[in-house]
Amino acid sequence: MIVQFDDGAEAEFLDAISFYESREVGLGGDLLNEVLVAIGQIAERPLSWPVYTENTRRHFTRRFPYSIIYSIESDIVVIWAVAHTSREEFYWSDRLN
């Protein structure tokens, strides 16, 4: 499947990478790799992760406290959020419009 990032999801993902890299050299790269592996898994088997809202699913990362919120639209996976688990739930929902 093709994977597309919503602009807001891409921006928050890049911000998270920068944040972790500023804390420890290489840690941002670790987050990048972990999220890319998760996105690869989603692209291969998009229905494998549980329904989160009516139109989305959620995949948790293993090492970092993030979840990837996505929807399936025909043959495209749209990433709506790379959400830190301590953020307010559904803060990203206005992106679905």
N, C-alpha and C. Protein backbone atom coordinates (compact mmCIF):
# COMPACT_ATOMS: atom_id res chain seq x y z
N MET A 1 0.83 -1.19 0.00
CA MET A 1 0.00 0.00 0.00
C MET A 1 0.87 1.25 0.00
N ILE A 2 0.34 2.28 -0.55
CA ILE A 2 0.99 3.59 -0.52
C ILE A 2 0.69 4.22 0.84
N VAL A 3 1.67 4.91 1.41
CA VAL A 3 1.49 5.59 2.70
C VAL A 3 1.67 7.09 2.48
N GLN A 4 0.73 7.86 3.00
CA GLN A 4 0.78 9.33 2.95
C GLN A 4 0.67 9.88 4.35
N PHE A 5 1.44 10.92 4.62
CA PHE A 5 1.33 11.63 5.90
C PHE A 5 0.45 12.85 5.72
N ASP A 6 -0.46 13.06 6.64
CA ASP A 6 -1.12 14.36 6.76
C ASP A 6 -0.03 15.36 7.14
N ASP A 7 -0.15 16.60 6.67
CA ASP A 7 0.88 17.61 6.96
C ASP A 7 1.12 17.78 8.46
N GLY A 8 0.06 17.79 9.24
CA GLY A 8 0.20 17.93 10.69
C GLY A 8 0.90 16.75 11.32
N ALA A 9 0.61 15.56 10.84
CA ALA A 9 1.27 14.35 11.36
C ALA A 9 2.75 14.36 11.01
N GLU A 10 3.07 14.77 9.81
CA GLU A 10 4.47 14.83 9.41
C GLU A 10 5.23 15.84 10.26
N ALA A 11 4.63 17.01 10.48
CA ALA A 11 5.29 18.05 11.29
C ALA A 11 5.52 17.58 12.71
N GLU A 12 4.53 16.93 13.33
CA GLU A 12 4.72 16.48 14.71
C GLU A 12 5.74 15.36 14.78
N PHE A 13 5.80 14.52 13.77
CA PHE A 13 6.79 13.45 13.74
C PHE A 13 8.21 14.03 13.65
N LEU A 14 8.40 15.00 12.76
CA LEU A 14 9.71 15.65 12.63
C LEU A 14 10.10 16.38 13.91
N ASP A 15 9.12 17.02 14.55
CA ASP A 15 9.38 17.68 15.84
C ASP A 15 9.81 16.67 16.91
N ALA A 16 9.17 15.53 16.94
CA ALA A 16 9.52 14.50 17.93
C ALA A 16 10.94 13.99 17.69
N ILE A 17 11.29 13.78 16.43
CA ILE A 17 12.65 13.34 16.11
C ILE A 17 13.66 14.37 16.60
N SER A 18 13.40 15.64 16.31
CA SER A 18 14.30 16.72 16.75
C SER A 18 14.41 16.78 18.27
N PHE A 19 13.28 16.63 18.95
CA PHE A 19 13.27 16.66 20.40
C PHE A 19 14.18 15.57 20.97
N TYR A 20 13.98 14.34 20.52
CA TYR A 20 14.77 13.23 21.05
C TYR A 20 16.25 13.38 20.68
N GLU A 21 16.52 13.86 19.49
CA GLU A 21 17.91 14.03 19.08
C GLU A 21 18.59 15.10 19.92
N SER A 22 17.83 16.13 20.34
CA SER A 22 18.41 17.17 21.19
C SER A 22 18.72 16.66 22.60
N ARG A 23 18.06 15.59 23.00
CA ARG A 23 18.30 15.01 24.32
C ARG A 23 19.51 14.09 24.33
N GLU A 24 19.65 13.35 23.23
CA GLU A 24 20.79 12.42 23.13
C GLU A 24 21.04 12.13 21.65
N VAL A 25 22.28 12.32 21.21
CA VAL A 25 22.63 12.08 19.82
C VAL A 25 22.31 10.63 19.47
N GLY A 26 21.58 10.46 18.38
CA GLY A 26 21.19 9.14 17.91
C GLY A 26 19.80 8.71 18.34
N LEU A 27 19.27 9.33 19.39
CA LEU A 27 17.95 8.94 19.87
C LEU A 27 16.85 9.33 18.89
N GLY A 28 17.00 10.47 18.25
CA GLY A 28 16.04 10.86 17.22
C GLY A 28 16.02 9.88 16.07
N GLY A 29 17.20 9.41 15.69
CA GLY A 29 17.29 8.39 14.64
C GLY A 29 16.64 7.09 15.06
N ASP A 30 16.77 6.76 16.34
CA ASP A 30 16.10 5.55 16.85
C ASP A 30 14.59 5.67 16.73
N LEU A 31 14.06 6.85 17.08
CA LEU A 31 12.61 7.06 16.93
C LEU A 31 12.21 6.97 15.47
N LEU A 32 12.97 7.63 14.61
CA LEU A 32 12.69 7.58 13.17
C LEU A 32 12.61 6.14 12.69
N ASN A 33 13.62 5.34 13.03
CA ASN A 33 13.64 3.94 12.59
C ASN A 33 12.46 3.15 13.13
N GLU A 34 12.14 3.36 14.39
CA GLU A 34 11.04 2.61 14.99
C GLU A 34 9.71 2.94 14.31
N VAL A 35 9.48 4.22 14.07
CA VAL A 35 8.21 4.62 13.42
C VAL A 35 8.17 4.12 11.98
N LEU A 36 9.30 4.19 11.28
CA LEU A 36 9.32 3.70 9.89
C LEU A 36 9.06 2.19 9.82
N VAL A 37 9.59 1.44 10.77
CA VAL A 37 9.31 0.00 10.82
C VAL A 37 7.81 -0.22 11.06
N ALA A 38 7.24 0.52 11.99
CA ALA A 38 5.80 0.39 12.28
C ALA A 38 4.97 0.74 11.06
N ILE A 39 5.35 1.80 10.36
CA ILE A 39 4.61 2.20 9.16
C ILE A 39 4.74 1.12 8.08
N GLY A 40 5.90 0.51 7.98
CA GLY A 40 6.06 -0.59 7.04
C GLY A 40 5.14 -1.75 7.37
N GLN A 41 5.01 -2.05 8.65
CA GLN A 41 4.09 -3.11 9.08
C GLN A 41 2.65 -2.74 8.74
N ILE A 42 2.31 -1.49 8.97
CA ILE A 42 0.95 -1.03 8.66
C ILE A 42 0.69 -1.16 7.16
N ALA A 43 1.65 -0.75 6.34
CA ALA A 43 1.49 -0.80 4.89
C ALA A 43 1.31 -2.23 4.41
N GLU A 44 1.99 -3.18 5.04
CA GLU A 44 1.88 -4.59 4.64
C GLU A 44 0.58 -5.23 5.09
N ARG A 45 0.12 -4.86 6.29
CA ARG A 45 -1.07 -5.48 6.87
C ARG A 45 -1.93 -4.42 7.57
N PRO A 46 -2.54 -3.53 6.83
CA PRO A 46 -3.23 -2.39 7.45
C PRO A 46 -4.42 -2.76 8.35
N LEU A 47 -4.99 -3.91 8.17
CA LEU A 47 -6.15 -4.30 8.99
C LEU A 47 -5.75 -5.03 10.28
N SER A 48 -4.46 -5.17 10.52
CA SER A 48 -3.98 -5.95 11.66
C SER A 48 -4.09 -5.22 12.99
N TRP A 49 -4.23 -3.91 12.98
CA TRP A 49 -4.26 -3.16 14.24
C TRP A 49 -5.67 -2.73 14.54
N PRO A 50 -5.99 -2.58 15.81
CA PRO A 50 -7.39 -2.37 16.21
C PRO A 50 -7.97 -1.04 15.75
N VAL A 51 -9.27 -1.10 15.56
CA VAL A 51 -10.03 0.12 15.25
C VAL A 51 -9.92 1.05 16.45
N TYR A 52 -9.66 2.31 16.17
CA TYR A 52 -9.51 3.32 17.23
C TYR A 52 -10.72 4.24 17.27
N THR A 53 -11.06 4.81 16.14
CA THR A 53 -12.31 5.56 16.01
C THR A 53 -13.06 4.94 14.84
N GLU A 54 -14.16 5.50 14.51
CA GLU A 54 -14.98 4.94 13.43
C GLU A 54 -14.18 4.74 12.14
N ASN A 55 -13.29 5.67 11.82
CA ASN A 55 -12.56 5.61 10.55
C ASN A 55 -11.05 5.43 10.70
N THR A 56 -10.57 5.19 11.90
CA THR A 56 -9.11 5.09 12.07
C THR A 56 -8.73 3.83 12.84
N ARG A 57 -7.44 3.54 12.75
CA ARG A 57 -6.83 2.45 13.50
C ARG A 57 -5.61 3.00 14.21
N ARG A 58 -5.09 2.23 15.18
CA ARG A 58 -3.95 2.72 15.96
C ARG A 58 -2.93 1.60 16.16
N HIS A 59 -1.67 1.97 15.94
CA HIS A 59 -0.53 1.06 16.12
C HIS A 59 0.42 1.73 17.11
N PHE A 60 0.72 1.05 18.22
CA PHE A 60 1.66 1.57 19.21
C PHE A 60 3.08 1.17 18.85
N THR A 61 4.02 2.10 19.07
CA THR A 61 5.42 1.75 18.93
C THR A 61 5.85 0.99 20.17
N ARG A 62 6.98 0.31 20.08
CA ARG A 62 7.42 -0.54 21.19
C ARG A 62 8.27 0.23 22.20
N ARG A 63 9.30 0.90 21.72
CA ARG A 63 10.27 1.53 22.62
C ARG A 63 9.85 2.92 23.08
N PHE A 64 9.24 3.66 22.20
CA PHE A 64 8.87 5.05 22.49
C PHE A 64 7.38 5.14 22.75
N PRO A 65 6.96 6.13 23.56
CA PRO A 65 5.53 6.24 23.91
C PRO A 65 4.72 6.97 22.84
N TYR A 66 4.63 6.36 21.68
CA TYR A 66 3.91 6.96 20.55
C TYR A 66 2.95 5.95 19.96
N SER A 67 1.89 6.49 19.37
CA SER A 67 1.00 5.66 18.58
C SER A 67 0.84 6.32 17.21
N ILE A 68 0.62 5.49 16.23
CA ILE A 68 0.42 5.96 14.87
C ILE A 68 -1.06 5.78 14.57
N ILE A 69 -1.70 6.89 14.31
CA ILE A 69 -3.13 6.89 14.00
C ILE A 69 -3.26 6.98 12.47
N TYR A 70 -4.00 6.06 11.89
CA TYR A 70 -4.10 6.02 10.44
C TYR A 70 -5.47 5.56 9.98
N SER A 71 -5.75 5.84 8.72
CA SER A 71 -6.96 5.32 8.08
C SER A 71 -6.56 4.67 6.77
N ILE A 72 -7.47 3.87 6.26
CA ILE A 72 -7.26 3.17 5.00
C ILE A 72 -8.26 3.74 4.01
N GLU A 73 -7.75 4.29 2.93
CA GLU A 73 -8.60 4.89 1.91
C GLU A 73 -8.22 4.29 0.57
N SER A 74 -9.03 3.34 0.12
CA SER A 74 -8.75 2.56 -1.09
C SER A 74 -7.42 1.84 -0.90
N ASP A 75 -6.41 2.19 -1.72
CA ASP A 75 -5.11 1.53 -1.60
C ASP A 75 -4.07 2.46 -0.97
N ILE A 76 -4.53 3.41 -0.16
CA ILE A 76 -3.65 4.37 0.49
C ILE A 76 -3.87 4.32 2.00
N VAL A 77 -2.77 4.29 2.74
CA VAL A 77 -2.81 4.44 4.19
C VAL A 77 -2.47 5.89 4.47
N VAL A 78 -3.35 6.58 5.18
CA VAL A 78 -3.11 7.98 5.54
C VAL A 78 -2.77 8.04 7.02
N ILE A 79 -1.59 8.57 7.32
CA ILE A 79 -1.16 8.75 8.70
C ILE A 79 -1.68 10.09 9.18
N TRP A 80 -2.54 10.07 10.19
CA TRP A 80 -3.16 11.30 10.71
C TRP A 80 -2.40 11.86 11.90
N ALA A 81 -1.70 11.00 12.62
CA ALA A 81 -0.95 11.47 13.79
C ALA A 81 0.14 10.47 14.15
N VAL A 82 1.25 11.01 14.61
CA VAL A 82 2.28 10.25 15.31
C VAL A 82 2.23 10.85 16.71
N ALA A 83 1.36 10.29 17.52
CA ALA A 83 0.91 10.93 18.76
C ALA A 83 1.65 10.40 19.98
N HIS A 84 2.21 11.31 20.75
CA HIS A 84 2.78 10.93 22.04
C HIS A 84 1.61 10.50 22.91
N THR A 85 1.77 9.43 23.65
CA THR A 85 0.65 8.87 24.40
C THR A 85 0.20 9.73 25.58
N SER A 86 0.99 10.74 25.95
CA SER A 86 0.56 11.62 27.05
C SER A 86 -0.23 12.83 26.55
N ARG A 87 -0.33 13.00 25.23
CA ARG A 87 -1.10 14.12 24.70
C ARG A 87 -2.59 13.88 24.88
N GLU A 88 -3.33 14.96 24.82
CA GLU A 88 -4.78 14.85 24.91
C GLU A 88 -5.29 13.95 23.79
N GLU A 89 -6.15 13.04 24.14
CA GLU A 89 -6.68 12.10 23.16
C GLU A 89 -7.50 12.84 22.11
N PHE A 90 -7.37 12.43 20.89
CA PHE A 90 -8.13 12.95 19.74
C PHE A 90 -7.78 14.39 19.37
N TYR A 91 -6.65 14.92 19.82
CA TYR A 91 -6.24 16.28 19.45
C TYR A 91 -6.10 16.42 17.94
N TRP A 92 -5.88 15.35 17.26
CA TRP A 92 -5.62 15.31 15.83
C TRP A 92 -6.89 15.17 15.00
N SER A 93 -8.03 14.98 15.64
CA SER A 93 -9.26 14.61 14.92
C SER A 93 -9.73 15.65 13.91
N ASP A 94 -9.37 16.93 14.11
CA ASP A 94 -9.77 17.94 13.13
C ASP A 94 -9.03 17.78 11.81
N ARG A 95 -7.97 17.00 11.79
CA ARG A 95 -7.23 16.75 10.55
C ARG A 95 -8.01 15.85 9.59
N LEU A 96 -8.99 15.14 10.08
CA LEU A 96 -9.73 14.19 9.26
C LEU A 96 -10.63 14.85 8.22
N ASN A 97 -10.83 16.13 8.31
CA ASN A 97 -11.72 16.83 7.37
C ASN A 97 -11.12 16.92 6.04
